[in-house]
Amino acid sequence: MIRHTVVFTLKHAAGSAEEAEFLATARALADIPGVERFEQLRQVSPKSEFAFSFSMEFADEQAYQGYNEHPVHVAFVRDRWQSEVVDFQELDFVPLG
């Protein structure tokens, strides 16, 4: 199992229509084959400057690679992510042991 998480901040104002549209469009990532347990989360702690997180799981490396190469993911990154995200950090974890 691989847990893929990305934390990020958008260029859009909090609560704006643009922010809502970005998040709504991103929900299409959940429908990519191999994506499990897709979540969109909002940051509530003042300890982090990142506003959101997307989290999802993959059964194995093959499923994760399929997601990365899927046309829906590639288009989302190209058409939305690169122009609307101002800062991010990507984290990929596997269980210990």
PDB file of N, CA and C in Angstrom:
ATOM      1  N   MET A   1       0.834  -1.173   0.000  1.00  0.00           N
ATOM      2  CA  MET A   1       0.000   0.000   0.000  1.00  0.00           C
ATOM      3  C   MET A   1       0.884   1.242   0.000  1.00  0.00           C
ATOM      4  N   ILE A   2       0.488   2.224  -0.798  1.00  0.00           N
ATOM      5  CA  ILE A   2       1.143   3.530  -0.833  1.00  0.00           C
ATOM      6  C   ILE A   2       0.100   4.581  -0.499  1.00  0.00           C
ATOM      7  N   ARG A   3       0.398   5.431   0.467  1.00  0.00           N
ATOM      8  CA  ARG A   3      -0.467   6.558   0.774  1.00  0.00           C
ATOM      9  C   ARG A   3       0.189   7.810   0.188  1.00  0.00           C
ATOM     10  N   HIS A   4      -0.471   8.392  -0.778  1.00  0.00           N
ATOM     11  CA  HIS A   4       0.001   9.594  -1.459  1.00  0.00           C
ATOM     12  C   HIS A   4      -0.739  10.794  -0.881  1.00  0.00           C
ATOM     13  N   THR A   5       0.013  11.770  -0.420  1.00  0.00           N
ATOM     14  CA  THR A   5      -0.567  12.974   0.172  1.00  0.00           C
ATOM     15  C   THR A   5       0.134  14.180  -0.413  1.00  0.00           C
ATOM     16  N   VAL A   6      -0.647  15.188  -0.716  1.00  0.00           N
ATOM     17  CA  VAL A   6      -0.074  16.455  -1.131  1.00  0.00           C
ATOM     18  C   VAL A   6      -0.768  17.555  -0.341  1.00  0.00           C
ATOM     19  N   VAL A   7       0.043  18.426   0.262  1.00  0.00           N
ATOM     20  CA  VAL A   7      -0.480  19.584   0.977  1.00  0.00           C
ATOM     21  C   VAL A   7      -0.150  20.808   0.136  1.00  0.00           C
ATOM     22  N   PHE A   8      -1.084  21.781   0.120  1.00  0.00           N
ATOM     23  CA  PHE A   8      -0.883  22.883  -0.818  1.00  0.00           C
ATOM     24  C   PHE A   8      -1.679  24.118  -0.412  1.00  0.00           C
ATOM     25  N   THR A   9      -1.329  25.214  -1.065  1.00  0.00           N
ATOM     26  CA  THR A   9      -2.027  26.479  -0.918  1.00  0.00           C
ATOM     27  C   THR A   9      -2.364  26.987  -2.313  1.00  0.00           C
ATOM     28  N   LEU A  10      -3.578  27.471  -2.459  1.00  0.00           N
ATOM     29  CA  LEU A  10      -4.034  28.006  -3.742  1.00  0.00           C
ATOM     30  C   LEU A  10      -3.799  29.508  -3.823  1.00  0.00           C
ATOM     31  N   LYS A  11      -3.758  30.023  -5.033  1.00  0.00           N
ATOM     32  CA  LYS A  11      -3.645  31.469  -5.220  1.00  0.00           C
ATOM     33  C   LYS A  11      -4.981  32.171  -4.992  1.00  0.00           C
ATOM     34  N   HIS A  12      -6.062  31.420  -4.939  1.00  0.00           N
ATOM     35  CA  HIS A  12      -7.399  31.985  -4.801  1.00  0.00           C
ATOM     36  C   HIS A  12      -7.701  32.363  -3.351  1.00  0.00           C
ATOM     37  N   ALA A  13      -8.558  33.343  -3.180  1.00  0.00           N
ATOM     38  CA  ALA A  13      -8.985  33.766  -1.845  1.00  0.00           C
ATOM     39  C   ALA A  13      -9.790  32.650  -1.180  1.00  0.00           C
ATOM     40  N   ALA A  14      -9.605  32.514   0.125  1.00  0.00           N
ATOM     41  CA  ALA A  14     -10.355  31.516   0.894  1.00  0.00           C
ATOM     42  C   ALA A  14     -11.850  31.773   0.744  1.00  0.00           C
ATOM     43  N   GLY A  15     -12.586  30.704   0.447  1.00  0.00           N
ATOM     44  CA  GLY A  15     -14.029  30.804   0.314  1.00  0.00           C
ATOM     45  C   GLY A  15     -14.508  31.319  -1.031  1.00  0.00           C
ATOM     46  N   SER A  16     -13.597  31.572  -1.956  1.00  0.00           N
ATOM     47  CA  SER A  16     -13.968  32.134  -3.252  1.00  0.00           C
ATOM     48  C   SER A  16     -14.564  31.067  -4.170  1.00  0.00           C
ATOM     49  N   ALA A  17     -15.250  31.533  -5.193  1.00  0.00           N
ATOM     50  CA  ALA A  17     -15.802  30.631  -6.207  1.00  0.00           C
ATOM     51  C   ALA A  17     -14.683  29.895  -6.932  1.00  0.00           C
ATOM     52  N   GLU A  18     -13.559  30.560  -7.143  1.00  0.00           N
ATOM     53  CA  GLU A  18     -12.411  29.926  -7.824  1.00  0.00           C
ATOM     54  C   GLU A  18     -11.840  28.780  -6.988  1.00  0.00           C
ATOM     55  N   GLU A  19     -11.747  28.991  -5.691  1.00  0.00           N
ATOM     56  CA  GLU A  19     -11.286  27.934  -4.790  1.00  0.00           C
ATOM     57  C   GLU A  19     -12.235  26.743  -4.859  1.00  0.00           C
ATOM     58  N   ALA A  20     -13.531  26.998  -4.766  1.00  0.00           N
ATOM     59  CA  ALA A  20     -14.534  25.927  -4.817  1.00  0.00           C
ATOM     60  C   ALA A  20     -14.488  25.177  -6.142  1.00  0.00           C
ATOM     61  N   GLU A  21     -14.288  25.900  -7.239  1.00  0.00           N
ATOM     62  CA  GLU A  21     -14.226  25.259  -8.551  1.00  0.00           C
ATOM     63  C   GLU A  21     -12.996  24.367  -8.680  1.00  0.00           C
ATOM     64  N   PHE A  22     -11.854  24.844  -8.181  1.00  0.00           N
ATOM     65  CA  PHE A  22     -10.634  24.035  -8.208  1.00  0.00           C
ATOM     66  C   PHE A  22     -10.853  22.723  -7.453  1.00  0.00           C
ATOM     67  N   LEU A  23     -11.397  22.818  -6.243  1.00  0.00           N
ATOM     68  CA  LEU A  23     -11.616  21.629  -5.417  1.00  0.00           C
ATOM     69  C   LEU A  23     -12.637  20.689  -6.061  1.00  0.00           C
ATOM     70  N   ALA A  24     -13.673  21.236  -6.669  1.00  0.00           N
ATOM     71  CA  ALA A  24     -14.678  20.406  -7.338  1.00  0.00           C
ATOM     72  C   ALA A  24     -14.062  19.676  -8.531  1.00  0.00           C
ATOM     73  N   THR A  25     -13.260  20.371  -9.303  1.00  0.00           N
ATOM     74  CA  THR A  25     -12.601  19.757 -10.456  1.00  0.00           C
ATOM     75  C   THR A  25     -11.659  18.646 -10.017  1.00  0.00           C
ATOM     76  N   ALA A  26     -10.973  18.849  -8.903  1.00  0.00           N
ATOM     77  CA  ALA A  26     -10.013  17.865  -8.403  1.00  0.00           C
ATOM     78  C   ALA A  26     -10.674  16.555  -7.982  1.00  0.00           C
ATOM     79  N   ARG A  27     -11.966  16.581  -7.706  1.00  0.00           N
ATOM     80  CA  ARG A  27     -12.652  15.344  -7.303  1.00  0.00           C
ATOM     81  C   ARG A  27     -12.626  14.290  -8.394  1.00  0.00           C
ATOM     82  N   ALA A  28     -12.387  14.693  -9.628  1.00  0.00           N
ATOM     83  CA  ALA A  28     -12.267  13.737 -10.735  1.00  0.00           C
ATOM     84  C   ALA A  28     -11.084  12.794 -10.531  1.00  0.00           C
ATOM     85  N   LEU A  29     -10.106  13.206  -9.747  1.00  0.00           N
ATOM     86  CA  LEU A  29      -8.951  12.339  -9.469  1.00  0.00           C
ATOM     87  C   LEU A  29      -9.377  11.064  -8.754  1.00  0.00           C
ATOM     88  N   ALA A  30     -10.437  11.136  -7.980  1.00  0.00           N
ATOM     89  CA  ALA A  30     -10.924   9.967  -7.231  1.00  0.00           C
ATOM     90  C   ALA A  30     -11.426   8.865  -8.146  1.00  0.00           C
ATOM     91  N   ASP A  31     -11.808   9.213  -9.367  1.00  0.00           N
ATOM     92  CA  ASP A  31     -12.357   8.232 -10.303  1.00  0.00           C
ATOM     93  C   ASP A  31     -11.307   7.544 -11.159  1.00  0.00           C
ATOM     94  N   ILE A  32     -10.052   7.932 -11.004  1.00  0.00           N
ATOM     95  CA  ILE A  32      -8.975   7.290 -11.767  1.00  0.00           C
ATOM     96  C   ILE A  32      -8.786   5.874 -11.237  1.00  0.00           C
ATOM     97  N   PRO A  33      -8.708   4.885 -12.128  1.00  0.00           N
ATOM     98  CA  PRO A  33      -8.514   3.500 -11.670  1.00  0.00           C
ATOM     99  C   PRO A  33      -7.306   3.372 -10.749  1.00  0.00           C
ATOM    100  N   GLY A  34      -7.484   2.647  -9.663  1.00  0.00           N
ATOM    101  CA  GLY A  34      -6.417   2.413  -8.696  1.00  0.00           C
ATOM    102  C   GLY A  34      -6.456   3.339  -7.500  1.00  0.00           C
ATOM    103  N   VAL A  35      -7.178   4.463  -7.605  1.00  0.00           N
ATOM    104  CA  VAL A  35      -7.271   5.406  -6.481  1.00  0.00           C
ATOM    105  C   VAL A  35      -8.255   4.854  -5.458  1.00  0.00           C
ATOM    106  N   GLU A  36      -7.804   4.780  -4.217  1.00  0.00           N
ATOM    107  CA  GLU A  36      -8.640   4.334  -3.106  1.00  0.00           C
ATOM    108  C   GLU A  36      -8.595   5.385  -2.000  1.00  0.00           C
ATOM    109  N   ARG A  37      -9.677   5.512  -1.269  1.00  0.00           N
ATOM    110  CA  ARG A  37      -9.760   6.380  -0.085  1.00  0.00           C
ATOM    111  C   ARG A  37      -9.344   7.821  -0.371  1.00  0.00           C
ATOM    112  N   PHE A  38      -9.822   8.375  -1.462  1.00  0.00           N
ATOM    113  CA  PHE A  38      -9.525   9.760  -1.814  1.00  0.00           C
ATOM    114  C   PHE A  38     -10.186  10.699  -0.819  1.00  0.00           C
ATOM    115  N   GLU A  39      -9.415  11.663  -0.316  1.00  0.00           N
ATOM    116  CA  GLU A  39      -9.946  12.659   0.605  1.00  0.00           C
ATOM    117  C   GLU A  39      -9.430  14.040   0.238  1.00  0.00           C
ATOM    118  N   GLN A  40     -10.283  15.030   0.395  1.00  0.00           N
ATOM    119  CA  GLN A  40      -9.890  16.427   0.336  1.00  0.00           C
ATOM    120  C   GLN A  40     -10.045  16.970   1.754  1.00  0.00           C
ATOM    121  N   LEU A  41      -9.000  17.608   2.253  1.00  0.00           N
ATOM    122  CA  LEU A  41      -8.997  18.083   3.630  1.00  0.00           C
ATOM    123  C   LEU A  41      -8.599  19.553   3.682  1.00  0.00           C
ATOM    124  N   ARG A  42      -9.169  20.267   4.633  1.00  0.00           N
ATOM    125  CA  ARG A  42      -8.834  21.675   4.848  1.00  0.00           C
ATOM    126  C   ARG A  42      -8.018  21.792   6.136  1.00  0.00           C
ATOM    127  N   GLN A  43      -6.939  22.546   6.086  1.00  0.00           N
ATOM    128  CA  GLN A  43      -6.064  22.778   7.233  1.00  0.00           C
ATOM    129  C   GLN A  43      -6.772  23.674   8.256  1.00  0.00           C
ATOM    130  N   VAL A  44      -6.691  23.311   9.525  1.00  0.00           N
ATOM    131  CA  VAL A  44      -7.274  24.136  10.587  1.00  0.00           C
ATOM    132  C   VAL A  44      -6.227  24.596  11.607  1.00  0.00           C
ATOM    133  N   SER A  45      -5.021  24.113  11.490  1.00  0.00           N
ATOM    134  CA  SER A  45      -3.984  24.484  12.446  1.00  0.00           C
ATOM    135  C   SER A  45      -3.211  25.714  11.974  1.00  0.00           C
ATOM    136  N   PRO A  46      -2.935  26.637  12.878  1.00  0.00           N
ATOM    137  CA  PRO A  46      -2.114  27.795  12.509  1.00  0.00           C
ATOM    138  C   PRO A  46      -0.625  27.447  12.386  1.00  0.00           C
ATOM    139  N   LYS A  47      -0.263  26.207  12.671  1.00  0.00           N
ATOM    140  CA  LYS A  47       1.135  25.781  12.619  1.00  0.00           C
ATOM    141  C   LYS A  47       1.629  25.509  11.204  1.00  0.00           C
ATOM    142  N   SER A  48       0.720  25.482  10.238  1.00  0.00           N
ATOM    143  CA  SER A  48       1.101  25.204   8.857  1.00  0.00           C
ATOM    144  C   SER A  48       0.556  26.287   7.942  1.00  0.00           C
ATOM    145  N   GLU A  49       1.348  26.653   6.958  1.00  0.00           N
ATOM    146  CA  GLU A  49       0.892  27.645   5.986  1.00  0.00           C
ATOM    147  C   GLU A  49       0.129  27.010   4.831  1.00  0.00           C
ATOM    148  N   PHE A  50       0.094  25.688   4.749  1.00  0.00           N
ATOM    149  CA  PHE A  50      -0.660  25.013   3.699  1.00  0.00           C
ATOM    150  C   PHE A  50      -2.143  24.993   4.071  1.00  0.00           C
ATOM    151  N   ALA A  51      -3.000  25.222   3.078  1.00  0.00           N
ATOM    152  CA  ALA A  51      -4.435  25.353   3.326  1.00  0.00           C
ATOM    153  C   ALA A  51      -5.212  24.052   3.130  1.00  0.00           C
ATOM    154  N   PHE A  52      -4.718  23.166   2.241  1.00  0.00           N
ATOM    155  CA  PHE A  52      -5.465  21.965   1.870  1.00  0.00           C
ATOM    156  C   PHE A  52      -4.557  20.753   1.780  1.00  0.00           C
ATOM    157  N   SER A  53      -5.202  19.606   1.753  1.00  0.00           N
ATOM    158  CA  SER A  53      -4.505  18.354   1.501  1.00  0.00           C
ATOM    159  C   SER A  53      -5.396  17.450   0.669  1.00  0.00           C
ATOM    160  N   PHE A  54      -4.796  16.762  -0.274  1.00  0.00           N
ATOM    161  CA  PHE A  54      -5.437  15.641  -0.952  1.00  0.00           C
ATOM    162  C   PHE A  54      -4.692  14.406  -0.477  1.00  0.00           C
ATOM    163  N   SER A  55      -5.433  13.381  -0.141  1.00  0.00           N
ATOM    164  CA  SER A  55      -4.850  12.127   0.314  1.00  0.00           C
ATOM    165  C   SER A  55      -5.543  10.981  -0.403  1.00  0.00           C
ATOM    166  N   MET A  56      -4.775   9.978  -0.786  1.00  0.00           N
ATOM    167  CA  MET A  56      -5.336   8.803  -1.452  1.00  0.00           C
ATOM    168  C   MET A  56      -4.395   7.633  -1.247  1.00  0.00           C
ATOM    169  N   GLU A  57      -4.916   6.440  -1.458  1.00  0.00           N
ATOM    170  CA  GLU A  57      -4.113   5.236  -1.309  1.00  0.00           C
ATOM    171  C   GLU A  57      -4.122   4.445  -2.607  1.00  0.00           C
ATOM    172  N   PHE A  58      -3.047   3.690  -2.788  1.00  0.00           N
ATOM    173  CA  PHE A  58      -2.890   2.802  -3.930  1.00  0.00           C
ATOM    174  C   PHE A  58      -2.460   1.432  -3.425  1.00  0.00           C
ATOM    175  N   ALA A  59      -2.942   0.393  -4.048  1.00  0.00           N
ATOM    176  CA  ALA A  59      -2.621  -0.969  -3.607  1.00  0.00           C
ATOM    177  C   ALA A  59      -1.135  -1.266  -3.751  1.00  0.00           C
ATOM    178  N   ASP A  60      -0.515  -0.707  -4.794  1.00  0.00           N
ATOM    179  CA  ASP A  60       0.892  -1.021  -5.063  1.00  0.00           C
ATOM    180  C   ASP A  60       1.493   0.035  -5.992  1.00  0.00           C
ATOM    181  N   GLU A  61       2.765  -0.138  -6.306  1.00  0.00           N
ATOM    182  CA  GLU A  61       3.493   0.804  -7.156  1.00  0.00           C
ATOM    183  C   GLU A  61       2.885   0.883  -8.555  1.00  0.00           C
ATOM    184  N   GLN A  62       2.408  -0.225  -9.067  1.00  0.00           N
ATOM    185  CA  GLN A  62       1.800  -0.237 -10.397  1.00  0.00           C
ATOM    186  C   GLN A  62       0.545   0.648 -10.438  1.00  0.00           C
ATOM    187  N   ALA A  63      -0.291   0.558  -9.424  1.00  0.00           N
ATOM    188  CA  ALA A  63      -1.491   1.393  -9.359  1.00  0.00           C
ATOM    189  C   ALA A  63      -1.113   2.868  -9.234  1.00  0.00           C
ATOM    190  N   TYR A  64      -0.071   3.149  -8.450  1.00  0.00           N
ATOM    191  CA  TYR A  64       0.383   4.529  -8.275  1.00  0.00           C
ATOM    192  C   TYR A  64       0.925   5.094  -9.582  1.00  0.00           C
ATOM    193  N   GLN A  65       1.710   4.313 -10.301  1.00  0.00           N
ATOM    194  CA  GLN A  65       2.242   4.755 -11.588  1.00  0.00           C
ATOM    195  C   GLN A  65       1.117   4.980 -12.601  1.00  0.00           C
ATOM    196  N   GLY A  66       0.117   4.093 -12.571  1.00  0.00           N
ATOM    197  CA  GLY A  66      -1.026   4.254 -13.461  1.00  0.00           C
ATOM    198  C   GLY A  66      -1.747   5.569 -13.211  1.00  0.00           C
ATOM    199  N   TYR A  67      -1.882   5.939 -11.958  1.00  0.00           N
ATOM    200  CA  TYR A  67      -2.487   7.221 -11.587  1.00  0.00           C
ATOM    201  C   TYR A  67      -1.663   8.385 -12.114  1.00  0.00           C
ATOM    202  N   ASN A  68      -0.356   8.349 -11.884  1.00  0.00           N
ATOM    203  CA  ASN A  68       0.519   9.439 -12.316  1.00  0.00           C
ATOM    204  C   ASN A  68       0.486   9.651 -13.818  1.00  0.00           C
ATOM    205  N   GLU A  69       0.296   8.573 -14.571  1.00  0.00           N
ATOM    206  CA  GLU A  69       0.320   8.640 -16.030  1.00  0.00           C
ATOM    207  C   GLU A  69      -1.074   8.769 -16.647  1.00  0.00           C
ATOM    208  N   HIS A  70      -2.117   8.675 -15.833  1.00  0.00           N
ATOM    209  CA  HIS A  70      -3.483   8.715 -16.358  1.00  0.00           C
ATOM    210  C   HIS A  70      -3.777  10.093 -16.974  1.00  0.00           C
ATOM    211  N   PRO A  71      -4.458  10.124 -18.124  1.00  0.00           N
ATOM    212  CA  PRO A  71      -4.742  11.407 -18.790  1.00  0.00           C
ATOM    213  C   PRO A  71      -5.505  12.413 -17.930  1.00  0.00           C
ATOM    214  N   VAL A  72      -6.390  11.962 -17.056  1.00  0.00           N
ATOM    215  CA  VAL A  72      -7.133  12.887 -16.189  1.00  0.00           C
ATOM    216  C   VAL A  72      -6.175  13.570 -15.208  1.00  0.00           C
ATOM    217  N   HIS A  73      -5.256  12.812 -14.634  1.00  0.00           N
ATOM    218  CA  HIS A  73      -4.268  13.382 -13.707  1.00  0.00           C
ATOM    219  C   HIS A  73      -3.327  14.323 -14.444  1.00  0.00           C
ATOM    220  N   VAL A  74      -2.817  13.880 -15.570  1.00  0.00           N
ATOM    221  CA  VAL A  74      -1.882  14.710 -16.351  1.00  0.00           C
ATOM    222  C   VAL A  74      -2.541  16.031 -16.738  1.00  0.00           C
ATOM    223  N   ALA A  75      -3.788  15.989 -17.190  1.00  0.00           N
ATOM    224  CA  ALA A  75      -4.503  17.204 -17.587  1.00  0.00           C
ATOM    225  C   ALA A  75      -4.770  18.109 -16.393  1.00  0.00           C
ATOM    226  N   PHE A  76      -5.135  17.522 -15.250  1.00  0.00           N
ATOM    227  CA  PHE A  76      -5.382  18.332 -14.053  1.00  0.00           C
ATOM    228  C   PHE A  76      -4.123  19.074 -13.630  1.00  0.00           C
ATOM    229  N   VAL A  77      -3.012  18.382 -13.609  1.00  0.00           N
ATOM    230  CA  VAL A  77      -1.750  19.023 -13.228  1.00  0.00           C
ATOM    231  C   VAL A  77      -1.405  20.130 -14.225  1.00  0.00           C
ATOM    232  N   ARG A  78      -1.511  19.847 -15.489  1.00  0.00           N
ATOM    233  CA  ARG A  78      -1.157  20.821 -16.528  1.00  0.00           C
ATOM    234  C   ARG A  78      -2.103  22.028 -16.545  1.00  0.00           C
ATOM    235  N   ASP A  79      -3.406  21.756 -16.496  1.00  0.00           N
ATOM    236  CA  ASP A  79      -4.402  22.796 -16.725  1.00  0.00           C
ATOM    237  C   ASP A  79      -4.831  23.558 -15.469  1.00  0.00           C
ATOM    238  N   ARG A  80      -4.707  22.948 -14.304  1.00  0.00           N
ATOM    239  CA  ARG A  80      -5.178  23.593 -13.083  1.00  0.00           C
ATOM    240  C   ARG A  80      -4.057  23.766 -12.057  1.00  0.00           C
ATOM    241  N   TRP A  81      -3.411  22.665 -11.698  1.00  0.00           N
ATOM    242  CA  TRP A  81      -2.445  22.662 -10.604  1.00  0.00           C
ATOM    243  C   TRP A  81      -1.314  23.663 -10.844  1.00  0.00           C
ATOM    244  N   GLN A  82      -0.693  23.590 -11.993  1.00  0.00           N
ATOM    245  CA  GLN A  82       0.490  24.418 -12.252  1.00  0.00           C
ATOM    246  C   GLN A  82       0.190  25.913 -12.230  1.00  0.00           C
ATOM    247  N   SER A  83      -1.018  26.296 -12.558  1.00  0.00           N
ATOM    248  CA  SER A  83      -1.336  27.716 -12.603  1.00  0.00           C
ATOM    249  C   SER A  83      -2.083  28.233 -11.364  1.00  0.00           C
ATOM    250  N   GLU A  84      -2.616  27.329 -10.524  1.00  0.00           N
ATOM    251  CA  GLU A  84      -3.440  27.777  -9.399  1.00  0.00           C
ATOM    252  C   GLU A  84      -2.859  27.470  -8.025  1.00  0.00           C
ATOM    253  N   VAL A  85      -1.874  26.594  -7.962  1.00  0.00           N
ATOM    254  CA  VAL A  85      -1.240  26.236  -6.685  1.00  0.00           C
ATOM    255  C   VAL A  85       0.028  27.069  -6.528  1.00  0.00           C
ATOM    256  N   VAL A  86       0.138  27.765  -5.395  1.00  0.00           N
ATOM    257  CA  VAL A  86       1.300  28.627  -5.176  1.00  0.00           C
ATOM    258  C   VAL A  86       2.422  27.939  -4.407  1.00  0.00           C
ATOM    259  N   ASP A  87       2.077  26.919  -3.623  1.00  0.00           N
ATOM    260  CA  ASP A  87       3.100  26.187  -2.873  1.00  0.00           C
ATOM    261  C   ASP A  87       2.538  24.826  -2.493  1.00  0.00           C
ATOM    262  N   PHE A  88       3.387  23.810  -2.489  1.00  0.00           N
ATOM    263  CA  PHE A  88       2.928  22.479  -2.119  1.00  0.00           C
ATOM    264  C   PHE A  88       4.091  21.618  -1.643  1.00  0.00           C
ATOM    265  N   GLN A  89       3.721  20.531  -0.997  1.00  0.00           N
ATOM    266  CA  GLN A  89       4.670  19.492  -0.623  1.00  0.00           C
ATOM    267  C   GLN A  89       3.984  18.154  -0.834  1.00  0.00           C
ATOM    268  N   GLU A  90       4.677  17.253  -1.486  1.00  0.00           N
ATOM    269  CA  GLU A  90       4.137  15.931  -1.782  1.00  0.00           C
ATOM    270  C   GLU A  90       4.811  14.902  -0.873  1.00  0.00           C
ATOM    271  N   LEU A  91       4.003  14.012  -0.313  1.00  0.00           N
ATOM    272  CA  LEU A  91       4.502  12.979   0.598  1.00  0.00           C
ATOM    273  C   LEU A  91       3.919  11.639   0.191  1.00  0.00           C
ATOM    274  N   ASP A  92       4.763  10.626   0.091  1.00  0.00           N
ATOM    275  CA  ASP A  92       4.328   9.276  -0.241  1.00  0.00           C
ATOM    276  C   ASP A  92       4.861   8.313   0.804  1.00  0.00           C
ATOM    277  N   PHE A  93       3.940   7.569   1.416  1.00  0.00           N
ATOM    278  CA  PHE A  93       4.311   6.685   2.520  1.00  0.00           C
ATOM    279  C   PHE A  93       3.908   5.251   2.234  1.00  0.00           C
ATOM    280  N   VAL A  94       4.697   4.330   2.782  1.00  0.00           N
ATOM    281  CA  VAL A  94       4.320   2.912   2.830  1.00  0.00           C
ATOM    282  C   VAL A  94       4.358   2.482   4.289  1.00  0.00           C
ATOM    283  N   PRO A  95       3.569   1.467   4.648  1.00  0.00           N
ATOM    284  CA  PRO A  95       3.580   1.011   6.053  1.00  0.00           C
ATOM    285  C   PRO A  95       4.947   0.490   6.487  1.00  0.00           C
ATOM    286  N   LEU A  96       5.282   0.711   7.728  1.00  0.00           N
ATOM    287  CA  LEU A  96       6.504   0.152   8.299  1.00  0.00           C
ATOM    288  C   LEU A  96       6.343  -1.349   8.509  1.00  0.00           C
ATOM    289  N   GLY A  97       7.444  -2.053   8.362  1.00  0.00           N
ATOM    290  CA  GLY A  97       7.413  -3.483   8.628  1.00  0.00           C
ATOM    291  C   GLY A  97       6.895  -4.228   7.480  1.00  0.00           C
TER     292      GLY A  97
END
